[in-house]
Amino acid sequence: MSFKFLPSLSIAALALTAAASAQAHGAADTATSLAAYTPHTLSRAEVIADLEVYRRSGLAALDAQDSPNVYGSDYLQAQARYQALRHDPAFQARVAMLARERGETAMQVSAAR
């Protein structure tokens, strides 16, 4: 009995296994990427108001640095100011005012949330 074909059979089996594994990993990566993507639509008024709050909080100035210290007290305080401003009722009032100025309907703004 001749076993000359065993090395080429082993190589073929190894190649087939590697190809199947790569395909499975590629499919898993795609599924993970698609599952992680959740579209979130904001109205233009919400984006403008958020940018204003981002600048007012001081985060914009800190983020403009080459490498901001995101763990430093200045940055953490700016983040806290941003969150406070973002959750303040004045933020929603500003969004509503911007929406009116821009001619956006209440439906567009509320649907974007």
N, C-alpha and C. Protein backbone atom coordinates (compact mmCIF):
# COMPACT_ATOMS: atom_id res chain seq x y z
N MET A 1 0.85 -1.18 0.00
CA MET A 1 0.00 0.00 0.00
C MET A 1 0.89 1.25 0.00
N SER A 2 0.57 2.22 -0.85
CA SER A 2 1.39 3.41 -1.00
C SER A 2 0.74 4.59 -0.28
N PHE A 3 1.56 5.31 0.47
CA PHE A 3 1.06 6.48 1.23
C PHE A 3 1.65 7.78 0.69
N LYS A 4 2.01 7.80 -0.60
CA LYS A 4 2.60 8.99 -1.21
C LYS A 4 1.62 10.16 -1.26
N PHE A 5 0.33 9.88 -1.31
CA PHE A 5 -0.67 10.94 -1.44
C PHE A 5 -0.99 11.62 -0.10
N LEU A 6 -0.56 11.05 1.03
CA LEU A 6 -0.91 11.61 2.35
C LEU A 6 -0.42 13.04 2.55
N PRO A 7 0.83 13.40 2.20
CA PRO A 7 1.24 14.80 2.41
C PRO A 7 0.37 15.79 1.62
N SER A 8 0.04 15.48 0.38
CA SER A 8 -0.78 16.42 -0.39
C SER A 8 -2.21 16.44 0.12
N LEU A 9 -2.71 15.32 0.62
CA LEU A 9 -4.04 15.27 1.21
C LEU A 9 -4.08 16.10 2.49
N SER A 10 -3.03 16.02 3.29
CA SER A 10 -2.95 16.79 4.54
C SER A 10 -2.92 18.29 4.24
N ILE A 11 -2.17 18.68 3.23
CA ILE A 11 -2.08 20.09 2.87
C ILE A 11 -3.43 20.59 2.36
N ALA A 12 -4.10 19.78 1.56
CA ALA A 12 -5.42 20.16 1.05
C ALA A 12 -6.42 20.30 2.19
N ALA A 13 -6.39 19.38 3.14
CA ALA A 13 -7.30 19.44 4.28
C ALA A 13 -7.01 20.68 5.13
N LEU A 14 -5.74 20.99 5.33
CA LEU A 14 -5.35 22.16 6.11
C LEU A 14 -5.82 23.45 5.41
N ALA A 15 -5.65 23.52 4.10
CA ALA A 15 -6.07 24.69 3.34
C ALA A 15 -7.59 24.86 3.40
N LEU A 16 -8.31 23.77 3.29
CA LEU A 16 -9.77 23.81 3.36
C LEU A 16 -10.24 24.29 4.73
N THR A 17 -9.61 23.79 5.79
CA THR A 17 -9.95 24.19 7.15
C THR A 17 -9.67 25.68 7.36
N ALA A 18 -8.51 26.14 6.87
CA ALA A 18 -8.15 27.55 7.03
C ALA A 18 -9.14 28.45 6.28
N ALA A 19 -9.52 28.04 5.09
CA ALA A 19 -10.47 28.84 4.30
C ALA A 19 -11.83 28.91 4.98
N ALA A 20 -12.29 27.79 5.50
CA ALA A 20 -13.59 27.77 6.18
C ALA A 20 -13.55 28.62 7.44
N SER A 21 -12.44 28.56 8.16
CA SER A 21 -12.30 29.35 9.38
C SER A 21 -12.29 30.84 9.06
N ALA A 22 -11.55 31.22 8.03
CA ALA A 22 -11.49 32.64 7.64
C ALA A 22 -12.86 33.14 7.22
N GLN A 23 -13.59 32.32 6.49
CA GLN A 23 -14.93 32.72 6.05
C GLN A 23 -15.86 32.89 7.24
N ALA A 24 -15.77 31.99 8.21
CA ALA A 24 -16.62 32.08 9.40
C ALA A 24 -16.29 33.33 10.20
N HIS A 25 -15.00 33.65 10.34
CA HIS A 25 -14.62 34.85 11.09
C HIS A 25 -15.07 36.10 10.36
N GLY A 26 -14.97 36.11 9.04
CA GLY A 26 -15.43 37.26 8.27
C GLY A 26 -16.91 37.48 8.42
N ALA A 27 -17.68 36.42 8.40
CA ALA A 27 -19.13 36.53 8.58
C ALA A 27 -19.47 37.01 9.97
N ALA A 28 -18.72 36.53 10.97
CA ALA A 28 -18.97 36.96 12.35
C ALA A 28 -18.66 38.43 12.52
N ASP A 29 -17.55 38.90 11.91
CA ASP A 29 -17.19 40.32 11.99
C ASP A 29 -18.27 41.19 11.35
N THR A 30 -18.77 40.77 10.21
CA THR A 30 -19.82 41.53 9.53
C THR A 30 -21.08 41.58 10.36
N ALA A 31 -21.45 40.46 10.95
CA ALA A 31 -22.66 40.41 11.78
C ALA A 31 -22.50 41.32 12.99
N THR A 32 -21.32 41.30 13.60
CA THR A 32 -21.06 42.15 14.77
C THR A 32 -21.11 43.62 14.37
N SER A 33 -20.51 43.95 13.24
CA SER A 33 -20.51 45.34 12.78
C SER A 33 -21.92 45.83 12.51
N LEU A 34 -22.72 45.00 11.87
CA LEU A 34 -24.09 45.40 11.57
C LEU A 34 -24.93 45.52 12.83
N ALA A 35 -24.70 44.62 13.78
CA ALA A 35 -25.46 44.67 15.02
C ALA A 35 -25.06 45.90 15.84
N ALA A 36 -23.80 46.30 15.76
CA ALA A 36 -23.33 47.44 16.54
C ALA A 36 -23.83 48.76 15.95
N TYR A 37 -24.12 48.80 14.67
CA TYR A 37 -24.58 50.02 14.03
C TYR A 37 -26.06 50.23 14.30
N THR A 38 -26.35 51.28 15.00
CA THR A 38 -27.75 51.63 15.24
C THR A 38 -27.92 53.08 14.79
N PRO A 39 -28.61 53.29 13.70
CA PRO A 39 -28.76 54.65 13.20
C PRO A 39 -29.52 55.52 14.20
N HIS A 40 -29.03 56.71 14.40
CA HIS A 40 -29.66 57.66 15.31
C HIS A 40 -29.76 58.97 14.55
N THR A 41 -30.94 59.39 14.27
CA THR A 41 -31.13 60.59 13.49
C THR A 41 -31.48 61.75 14.41
N LEU A 42 -30.73 62.82 14.28
CA LEU A 42 -31.01 64.04 15.03
C LEU A 42 -31.47 65.11 14.05
N SER A 43 -32.32 65.98 14.54
CA SER A 43 -32.71 67.12 13.70
C SER A 43 -31.53 68.09 13.65
N ARG A 44 -31.56 68.95 12.67
CA ARG A 44 -30.49 69.95 12.55
C ARG A 44 -30.49 70.86 13.77
N ALA A 45 -31.65 71.18 14.28
CA ALA A 45 -31.75 72.03 15.47
C ALA A 45 -31.07 71.37 16.67
N GLU A 46 -31.26 70.06 16.83
CA GLU A 46 -30.62 69.35 17.94
C GLU A 46 -29.10 69.34 17.79
N VAL A 47 -28.63 69.18 16.57
CA VAL A 47 -27.18 69.17 16.33
C VAL A 47 -26.59 70.54 16.64
N ILE A 48 -27.24 71.60 16.20
CA ILE A 48 -26.74 72.95 16.45
C ILE A 48 -26.74 73.25 17.95
N ALA A 49 -27.82 72.91 18.63
CA ALA A 49 -27.90 73.15 20.08
C ALA A 49 -26.84 72.34 20.82
N ASP A 50 -26.62 71.12 20.39
CA ASP A 50 -25.60 70.28 21.03
C ASP A 50 -24.21 70.87 20.82
N LEU A 51 -23.94 71.37 19.63
CA LEU A 51 -22.64 72.00 19.36
C LEU A 51 -22.44 73.22 20.25
N GLU A 52 -23.49 74.01 20.43
CA GLU A 52 -23.40 75.18 21.31
C GLU A 52 -23.04 74.76 22.73
N VAL A 53 -23.71 73.73 23.23
CA VAL A 53 -23.47 73.24 24.59
C VAL A 53 -22.05 72.68 24.70
N TYR A 54 -21.62 71.97 23.67
CA TYR A 54 -20.27 71.39 23.63
C TYR A 54 -19.22 72.49 23.74
N ARG A 55 -19.44 73.58 23.02
CA ARG A 55 -18.49 74.69 23.08
C ARG A 55 -18.56 75.41 24.42
N ARG A 56 -19.79 75.65 24.91
CA ARG A 56 -19.96 76.37 26.18
C ARG A 56 -19.38 75.61 27.36
N SER A 57 -19.43 74.30 27.30
CA SER A 57 -18.93 73.49 28.42
C SER A 57 -17.41 73.52 28.53
N GLY A 58 -16.74 73.89 27.44
CA GLY A 58 -15.28 73.90 27.44
C GLY A 58 -14.69 72.65 26.80
N LEU A 59 -15.52 71.68 26.47
CA LEU A 59 -15.00 70.45 25.85
C LEU A 59 -14.38 70.72 24.49
N ALA A 60 -14.95 71.62 23.72
CA ALA A 60 -14.43 71.90 22.38
C ALA A 60 -12.99 72.41 22.47
N ALA A 61 -12.74 73.33 23.40
CA ALA A 61 -11.39 73.87 23.55
C ALA A 61 -10.41 72.79 24.00
N LEU A 62 -10.85 71.94 24.92
CA LEU A 62 -9.96 70.87 25.39
C LEU A 62 -9.72 69.83 24.30
N ASP A 63 -10.75 69.50 23.54
CA ASP A 63 -10.60 68.51 22.47
C ASP A 63 -9.77 69.05 21.31
N ALA A 64 -9.63 70.36 21.20
CA ALA A 64 -8.83 70.95 20.13
C ALA A 64 -7.33 70.78 20.37
N GLN A 65 -6.96 70.42 21.58
CA GLN A 65 -5.54 70.20 21.89
C GLN A 65 -5.05 68.95 21.16
N ASP A 66 -3.74 68.88 20.93
CA ASP A 66 -3.18 67.73 20.22
C ASP A 66 -3.51 66.41 20.89
N SER A 67 -3.35 66.36 22.19
CA SER A 67 -3.69 65.12 22.91
C SER A 67 -4.28 65.50 24.26
N PRO A 68 -5.59 65.72 24.29
CA PRO A 68 -6.22 66.13 25.55
C PRO A 68 -6.12 65.04 26.61
N ASN A 69 -5.93 65.47 27.83
CA ASN A 69 -5.87 64.52 28.96
C ASN A 69 -7.31 64.25 29.39
N VAL A 70 -7.89 63.20 28.84
CA VAL A 70 -9.30 62.90 29.10
C VAL A 70 -9.55 62.43 30.52
N TYR A 71 -8.49 62.18 31.27
CA TYR A 71 -8.63 61.76 32.67
C TYR A 71 -8.28 62.90 33.63
N GLY A 72 -7.88 64.04 33.09
CA GLY A 72 -7.53 65.19 33.92
C GLY A 72 -8.77 65.86 34.50
N SER A 73 -8.56 66.60 35.58
CA SER A 73 -9.70 67.23 36.26
C SER A 73 -10.39 68.27 35.37
N ASP A 74 -9.62 69.01 34.57
CA ASP A 74 -10.23 70.00 33.67
C ASP A 74 -11.20 69.34 32.69
N TYR A 75 -10.76 68.23 32.12
CA TYR A 75 -11.58 67.53 31.14
C TYR A 75 -12.82 66.92 31.79
N LEU A 76 -12.62 66.31 32.95
CA LEU A 76 -13.75 65.69 33.65
C LEU A 76 -14.78 66.74 34.08
N GLN A 77 -14.29 67.91 34.50
CA GLN A 77 -15.21 68.99 34.87
C GLN A 77 -15.97 69.50 33.65
N ALA A 78 -15.27 69.60 32.52
CA ALA A 78 -15.93 70.04 31.29
C ALA A 78 -16.98 69.02 30.85
N GLN A 79 -16.68 67.74 30.99
CA GLN A 79 -17.66 66.70 30.66
C GLN A 79 -18.89 66.82 31.56
N ALA A 80 -18.66 67.06 32.84
CA ALA A 80 -19.79 67.21 33.77
C ALA A 80 -20.63 68.43 33.40
N ARG A 81 -19.96 69.55 33.03
CA ARG A 81 -20.69 70.74 32.60
C ARG A 81 -21.50 70.45 31.34
N TYR A 82 -20.90 69.72 30.40
CA TYR A 82 -21.60 69.36 29.17
C TYR A 82 -22.86 68.56 29.48
N GLN A 83 -22.73 67.54 30.32
CA GLN A 83 -23.88 66.70 30.67
C GLN A 83 -24.96 67.52 31.36
N ALA A 84 -24.55 68.41 32.27
CA ALA A 84 -25.52 69.25 32.98
C ALA A 84 -26.25 70.18 32.00
N LEU A 85 -25.50 70.80 31.10
CA LEU A 85 -26.11 71.70 30.11
C LEU A 85 -27.02 70.93 29.16
N ARG A 86 -26.61 69.74 28.81
CA ARG A 86 -27.38 68.91 27.86
C ARG A 86 -28.71 68.46 28.47
N HIS A 87 -28.74 68.26 29.78
CA HIS A 87 -29.95 67.79 30.45
C HIS A 87 -30.77 68.93 31.06
N ASP A 88 -30.30 70.14 30.90
CA ASP A 88 -31.01 71.30 31.40
C ASP A 88 -32.24 71.55 30.52
N PRO A 89 -33.37 71.95 31.10
CA PRO A 89 -34.56 72.25 30.29
C PRO A 89 -34.30 73.35 29.25
N ALA A 90 -33.32 74.20 29.51
CA ALA A 90 -32.99 75.26 28.56
C ALA A 90 -32.48 74.67 27.24
N PHE A 91 -31.90 73.48 27.29
CA PHE A 91 -31.43 72.83 26.07
C PHE A 91 -32.60 72.52 25.15
N GLN A 92 -33.65 71.92 25.70
CA GLN A 92 -34.83 71.60 24.88
C GLN A 92 -35.50 72.87 24.37
N ALA A 93 -35.49 73.92 25.19
CA ALA A 93 -36.06 75.19 24.75
C ALA A 93 -35.25 75.75 23.58
N ARG A 94 -33.93 75.62 23.66
CA ARG A 94 -33.06 76.09 22.57
C ARG A 94 -33.30 75.27 21.29
N VAL A 95 -33.47 73.97 21.44
CA VAL A 95 -33.76 73.11 20.29
C VAL A 95 -35.06 73.56 19.63
N ALA A 96 -36.08 73.81 20.45
CA ALA A 96 -37.38 74.24 19.92
C ALA A 96 -37.26 75.58 19.20
N MET A 97 -36.51 76.51 19.79
CA MET A 97 -36.34 77.82 19.18
C MET A 97 -35.59 77.70 17.84
N LEU A 98 -34.52 76.92 17.82
CA LEU A 98 -33.77 76.72 16.59
C LEU A 98 -34.63 76.05 15.52
N ALA A 99 -35.44 75.10 15.94
CA ALA A 99 -36.32 74.41 15.00
C ALA A 99 -37.31 75.39 14.37
N ARG A 100 -37.88 76.27 15.21
CA ARG A 100 -38.81 77.27 14.68
C ARG A 100 -38.10 78.20 13.70
N GLU A 101 -36.90 78.66 14.09
CA GLU A 101 -36.14 79.57 13.22
C GLU A 101 -35.80 78.92 11.88
N ARG A 102 -35.53 77.65 11.92
CA ARG A 102 -35.13 76.92 10.71
C ARG A 102 -36.32 76.40 9.91
N GLY A 103 -37.52 76.56 10.47
CA GLY A 103 -38.71 76.09 9.78
C GLY A 103 -38.91 74.59 9.89
N GLU A 104 -38.26 73.97 10.87
CA GLU A 104 -38.46 72.54 11.10
C GLU A 104 -39.76 72.36 11.86
N THR A 105 -40.50 71.36 11.51
CA THR A 105 -41.75 71.10 12.21
C THR A 105 -41.46 70.34 13.49
N ALA A 106 -42.40 70.40 14.42
CA ALA A 106 -42.26 69.65 15.67
C ALA A 106 -42.17 68.16 15.38
N MET A 107 -42.85 67.72 14.32
CA MET A 107 -42.82 66.31 13.93
C MET A 107 -41.40 65.90 13.56
N GLN A 108 -40.68 66.77 12.80
CA GLN A 108 -39.31 66.45 12.40
C GLN A 108 -38.40 66.36 13.60
N VAL A 109 -38.54 67.27 14.54
CA VAL A 109 -37.68 67.29 15.71
C VAL A 109 -37.98 66.10 16.60
N SER A 110 -39.25 65.82 16.88
CA SER A 110 -39.57 64.71 17.77
C SER A 110 -39.29 63.37 17.11
N ALA A 111 -39.44 63.27 15.80
CA ALA A 111 -39.15 62.01 15.11
C ALA A 111 -37.66 61.73 15.09
N ALA A 112 -36.86 62.75 15.21
CA ALA A 112 -35.42 62.57 15.17
C ALA A 112 -34.85 62.04 16.47
N ARG A 113 -35.63 62.04 17.52
CA ARG A 113 -35.11 61.58 18.82
C ARG A 113 -35.06 60.10 18.90
